[in-house]
Structure formats: C-alpha cells, structure tokens
Amino acid sequence: MYGGENQDEISRSKLEGFGWLNTSIRKTFFDDFEVTLGARNVLDITRVNLSNGQGGAHSAGAQSQLLGYGRSYFLKLLYNLNF
C-alpha cells in the first residue's frame, strides 16, 4: 500500500573517480606462434566511496560501492595454422 510512514526515499549518490589499469605484453615467435601475458585491474580497485555516504538501490546505506573483484592475470597462446 502506498503512503504512510514506511515510504522509500530516492536520493542521488555520486561515485568518486576511479580508473582501472590494464596492461599486456605480446611476443611473436617463428611468425606462427604468439604469446600474450597481461594483467587486468593492476591497481586492485574493488570498492569506490560514495560522495554523500548514502547507499544505492541495493546497498542499504553503504559508504562504498563494489565495482570489481580485484586484480587478475591472463596468458594467451595463439598458433596460426597456414594451410
């Protein structure tokens, strides 16, 4: 039922600035084999503060917002088949 004391309020929040740093290195061997080694989210950003300290729609008053699960690494191997 609408109205009464238990009405939800809508408020605007703003996230602080942030940036993820991704990096990779690629090396080619014998013109057919390529290796790429890299990392995503090198700065290990997982949470970012909210500017007014109020939570979003799903956070019930949280002071920060979850954005990622941390740093990850990858290795890519590519072989070019020439027929």
N, C-alpha and C. Protein backbone atom coordinates (compact mmCIF):
# COMPACT_ATOMS: atom_id res chain seq x y z
N MET A 1 0.84 -1.17 0.00
CA MET A 1 0.00 0.00 0.00
C MET A 1 0.90 1.25 0.00
N TYR A 2 0.50 2.25 -0.72
CA TYR A 2 1.29 3.47 -0.83
C TYR A 2 0.92 4.45 0.27
N GLY A 3 1.88 5.32 0.62
CA GLY A 3 1.63 6.32 1.65
C GLY A 3 2.04 5.82 3.01
N GLY A 4 1.82 6.60 4.02
CA GLY A 4 2.15 6.19 5.38
C GLY A 4 3.58 6.50 5.75
N GLU A 5 4.02 5.93 6.86
CA GLU A 5 5.34 6.22 7.40
C GLU A 5 6.48 5.46 6.72
N ASN A 6 6.20 4.36 6.07
CA ASN A 6 7.25 3.49 5.52
C ASN A 6 7.54 3.76 4.05
N GLN A 7 7.43 4.99 3.61
CA GLN A 7 7.73 5.31 2.22
C GLN A 7 9.23 5.30 2.00
N ASP A 8 9.64 4.75 0.86
CA ASP A 8 11.05 4.78 0.48
C ASP A 8 11.39 6.15 -0.09
N GLU A 9 12.61 6.61 0.19
CA GLU A 9 13.08 7.88 -0.35
C GLU A 9 14.07 7.61 -1.46
N ILE A 10 14.05 8.43 -2.46
CA ILE A 10 15.00 8.34 -3.55
C ILE A 10 16.02 9.45 -3.37
N SER A 11 17.30 9.09 -3.35
CA SER A 11 18.35 10.10 -3.23
C SER A 11 19.41 9.84 -4.28
N ARG A 12 20.12 10.88 -4.65
CA ARG A 12 21.15 10.78 -5.67
C ARG A 12 22.51 10.66 -5.01
N SER A 13 23.31 9.69 -5.46
CA SER A 13 24.67 9.49 -4.96
C SER A 13 25.64 9.66 -6.12
N LYS A 14 26.88 9.95 -5.79
CA LYS A 14 27.90 10.11 -6.81
C LYS A 14 29.14 9.34 -6.39
N LEU A 15 29.68 8.52 -7.30
CA LEU A 15 30.90 7.77 -7.01
C LEU A 15 32.12 8.66 -7.18
N GLU A 16 33.13 8.44 -6.36
CA GLU A 16 34.41 9.12 -6.56
C GLU A 16 35.03 8.62 -7.86
N GLY A 17 35.93 9.40 -8.40
CA GLY A 17 36.61 8.99 -9.62
C GLY A 17 37.51 7.78 -9.38
N PHE A 18 37.64 6.95 -10.40
CA PHE A 18 38.48 5.76 -10.31
C PHE A 18 38.94 5.38 -11.71
N GLY A 19 39.91 4.54 -11.79
CA GLY A 19 40.38 4.04 -13.08
C GLY A 19 41.06 2.70 -12.91
N TRP A 20 40.79 1.82 -13.86
CA TRP A 20 41.46 0.52 -13.86
C TRP A 20 42.64 0.60 -14.81
N LEU A 21 43.74 0.00 -14.42
CA LEU A 21 44.92 -0.04 -15.27
C LEU A 21 45.07 -1.46 -15.78
N ASN A 22 44.97 -1.63 -17.10
CA ASN A 22 45.16 -2.93 -17.74
C ASN A 22 46.44 -2.86 -18.56
N THR A 23 47.19 -3.94 -18.56
CA THR A 23 48.44 -3.96 -19.30
C THR A 23 48.67 -5.34 -19.89
N SER A 24 49.39 -5.37 -21.02
CA SER A 24 49.73 -6.66 -21.64
C SER A 24 51.01 -6.52 -22.45
N ILE A 25 51.67 -7.64 -22.61
CA ILE A 25 52.90 -7.74 -23.40
C ILE A 25 52.70 -8.87 -24.40
N ARG A 26 53.02 -8.60 -25.68
CA ARG A 26 52.85 -9.61 -26.73
C ARG A 26 54.18 -9.89 -27.41
N LYS A 27 54.46 -11.15 -27.64
CA LYS A 27 55.70 -11.56 -28.31
C LYS A 27 55.38 -12.61 -29.36
N THR A 28 55.93 -12.46 -30.55
CA THR A 28 55.72 -13.40 -31.65
C THR A 28 56.99 -14.22 -31.86
N PHE A 29 56.79 -15.54 -32.04
CA PHE A 29 57.90 -16.47 -32.29
C PHE A 29 57.66 -17.18 -33.61
N PHE A 30 58.67 -17.25 -34.45
CA PHE A 30 58.66 -18.03 -35.70
C PHE A 30 57.50 -17.65 -36.64
N ASP A 31 56.98 -16.47 -36.56
CA ASP A 31 55.90 -15.95 -37.41
C ASP A 31 54.60 -16.74 -37.32
N ASP A 32 54.52 -17.77 -36.49
CA ASP A 32 53.30 -18.57 -36.38
C ASP A 32 52.77 -18.67 -34.95
N PHE A 33 53.59 -18.37 -33.98
CA PHE A 33 53.23 -18.57 -32.58
C PHE A 33 53.29 -17.23 -31.85
N GLU A 34 52.24 -16.90 -31.12
CA GLU A 34 52.17 -15.62 -30.40
C GLU A 34 51.78 -15.87 -28.94
N VAL A 35 52.49 -15.19 -28.03
CA VAL A 35 52.22 -15.30 -26.60
C VAL A 35 51.89 -13.90 -26.08
N THR A 36 50.79 -13.80 -25.33
CA THR A 36 50.41 -12.54 -24.70
C THR A 36 50.25 -12.78 -23.21
N LEU A 37 50.91 -11.97 -22.40
CA LEU A 37 50.85 -12.05 -20.95
C LEU A 37 50.35 -10.70 -20.45
N GLY A 38 49.39 -10.71 -19.52
CA GLY A 38 48.86 -9.43 -19.08
C GLY A 38 48.18 -9.49 -17.73
N ALA A 39 47.74 -8.32 -17.30
CA ALA A 39 47.02 -8.18 -16.03
C ALA A 39 45.90 -7.16 -16.22
N ARG A 40 44.78 -7.43 -15.56
CA ARG A 40 43.65 -6.51 -15.55
C ARG A 40 43.48 -5.96 -14.15
N ASN A 41 43.07 -4.72 -14.04
CA ASN A 41 42.86 -4.04 -12.77
C ASN A 41 44.14 -4.09 -11.91
N VAL A 42 45.23 -3.65 -12.49
CA VAL A 42 46.54 -3.67 -11.82
C VAL A 42 46.50 -2.89 -10.51
N LEU A 43 45.70 -1.84 -10.43
CA LEU A 43 45.62 -1.02 -9.23
C LEU A 43 44.77 -1.66 -8.13
N ASP A 44 44.16 -2.82 -8.41
CA ASP A 44 43.39 -3.60 -7.45
C ASP A 44 42.22 -2.81 -6.87
N ILE A 45 41.45 -2.14 -7.75
CA ILE A 45 40.28 -1.39 -7.33
C ILE A 45 39.13 -2.37 -7.10
N THR A 46 38.57 -2.38 -5.90
CA THR A 46 37.42 -3.24 -5.63
C THR A 46 36.21 -2.43 -5.18
N ARG A 47 36.41 -1.40 -4.40
CA ARG A 47 35.31 -0.57 -3.91
C ARG A 47 35.65 0.90 -4.14
N VAL A 48 34.63 1.71 -4.39
CA VAL A 48 34.79 3.15 -4.58
C VAL A 48 33.81 3.85 -3.64
N ASN A 49 34.28 4.89 -2.96
CA ASN A 49 33.45 5.63 -2.00
C ASN A 49 32.34 6.40 -2.70
N LEU A 50 31.22 6.52 -2.01
CA LEU A 50 30.11 7.35 -2.47
C LEU A 50 30.29 8.75 -1.91
N SER A 51 29.97 9.77 -2.70
CA SER A 51 30.25 11.15 -2.29
C SER A 51 29.38 11.63 -1.14
N ASN A 52 28.13 11.16 -1.04
CA ASN A 52 27.28 11.65 0.04
C ASN A 52 27.06 10.61 1.14
N GLY A 53 27.70 9.46 1.05
CA GLY A 53 27.63 8.45 2.09
C GLY A 53 26.35 7.66 2.14
N GLN A 54 25.46 7.87 1.18
CA GLN A 54 24.23 7.09 1.15
C GLN A 54 24.37 5.99 0.12
N GLY A 55 23.76 4.88 0.40
CA GLY A 55 23.87 3.74 -0.49
C GLY A 55 22.96 3.85 -1.69
N GLY A 56 23.17 2.96 -2.63
CA GLY A 56 22.33 2.91 -3.82
C GLY A 56 21.10 2.06 -3.57
N ALA A 57 20.47 1.63 -4.62
CA ALA A 57 19.21 0.90 -4.52
C ALA A 57 19.36 -0.44 -3.83
N HIS A 58 20.52 -1.06 -3.90
CA HIS A 58 20.70 -2.41 -3.35
C HIS A 58 21.71 -2.45 -2.20
N SER A 59 22.10 -1.34 -1.65
CA SER A 59 23.18 -1.37 -0.68
C SER A 59 22.79 -0.97 0.74
N ALA A 60 21.60 -0.54 0.97
CA ALA A 60 21.08 -0.23 2.31
C ALA A 60 22.01 0.64 3.14
N GLY A 61 22.41 1.79 2.61
CA GLY A 61 23.20 2.75 3.37
C GLY A 61 24.70 2.52 3.37
N ALA A 62 25.21 1.79 2.42
CA ALA A 62 26.65 1.51 2.37
C ALA A 62 27.44 2.79 2.08
N GLN A 63 28.66 2.87 2.56
CA GLN A 63 29.53 4.01 2.33
C GLN A 63 30.34 3.88 1.04
N SER A 64 30.35 2.70 0.43
CA SER A 64 31.10 2.48 -0.80
C SER A 64 30.34 1.52 -1.70
N GLN A 65 30.75 1.47 -2.96
CA GLN A 65 30.10 0.64 -3.97
C GLN A 65 31.09 -0.40 -4.48
N LEU A 66 30.69 -1.66 -4.51
CA LEU A 66 31.53 -2.73 -5.05
C LEU A 66 31.58 -2.60 -6.56
N LEU A 67 32.79 -2.56 -7.13
CA LEU A 67 32.94 -2.42 -8.57
C LEU A 67 33.62 -3.62 -9.22
N GLY A 68 34.48 -4.30 -8.50
CA GLY A 68 35.19 -5.41 -9.09
C GLY A 68 35.69 -6.36 -8.03
N TYR A 69 36.30 -7.42 -8.46
CA TYR A 69 36.77 -8.45 -7.54
C TYR A 69 38.28 -8.50 -7.43
N GLY A 70 38.95 -7.43 -7.85
CA GLY A 70 40.39 -7.35 -7.67
C GLY A 70 41.16 -7.63 -8.94
N ARG A 71 42.44 -7.80 -8.77
CA ARG A 71 43.39 -7.97 -9.86
C ARG A 71 43.29 -9.38 -10.45
N SER A 72 43.48 -9.48 -11.76
CA SER A 72 43.52 -10.79 -12.41
C SER A 72 44.60 -10.80 -13.49
N TYR A 73 45.10 -11.97 -13.77
CA TYR A 73 46.18 -12.15 -14.74
C TYR A 73 45.70 -13.08 -15.85
N PHE A 74 46.32 -12.95 -17.03
CA PHE A 74 45.95 -13.84 -18.12
C PHE A 74 47.16 -14.17 -18.98
N LEU A 75 47.07 -15.31 -19.64
CA LEU A 75 48.08 -15.79 -20.57
C LEU A 75 47.33 -16.26 -21.81
N LYS A 76 47.70 -15.73 -22.95
CA LYS A 76 47.06 -16.11 -24.22
C LYS A 76 48.10 -16.73 -25.14
N LEU A 77 47.79 -17.91 -25.65
CA LEU A 77 48.67 -18.60 -26.59
C LEU A 77 47.91 -18.70 -27.91
N LEU A 78 48.55 -18.28 -28.99
CA LEU A 78 47.91 -18.29 -30.31
C LEU A 78 48.86 -18.92 -31.30
N TYR A 79 48.34 -19.91 -32.05
CA TYR A 79 49.12 -20.55 -33.10
C TYR A 79 48.38 -20.38 -34.40
N ASN A 80 49.06 -19.84 -35.41
CA ASN A 80 48.47 -19.58 -36.70
C ASN A 80 48.74 -20.76 -37.62
N LEU A 81 47.66 -21.44 -38.03
CA LEU A 81 47.78 -22.57 -38.97
C LEU A 81 47.78 -22.05 -40.39
N ASN A 82 48.83 -22.30 -41.13
CA ASN A 82 48.93 -21.90 -42.53
C ASN A 82 48.73 -23.12 -43.41
N PHE A 83 47.59 -23.15 -44.10
CA PHE A 83 47.30 -24.30 -44.99
C PHE A 83 47.68 -23.98 -46.40
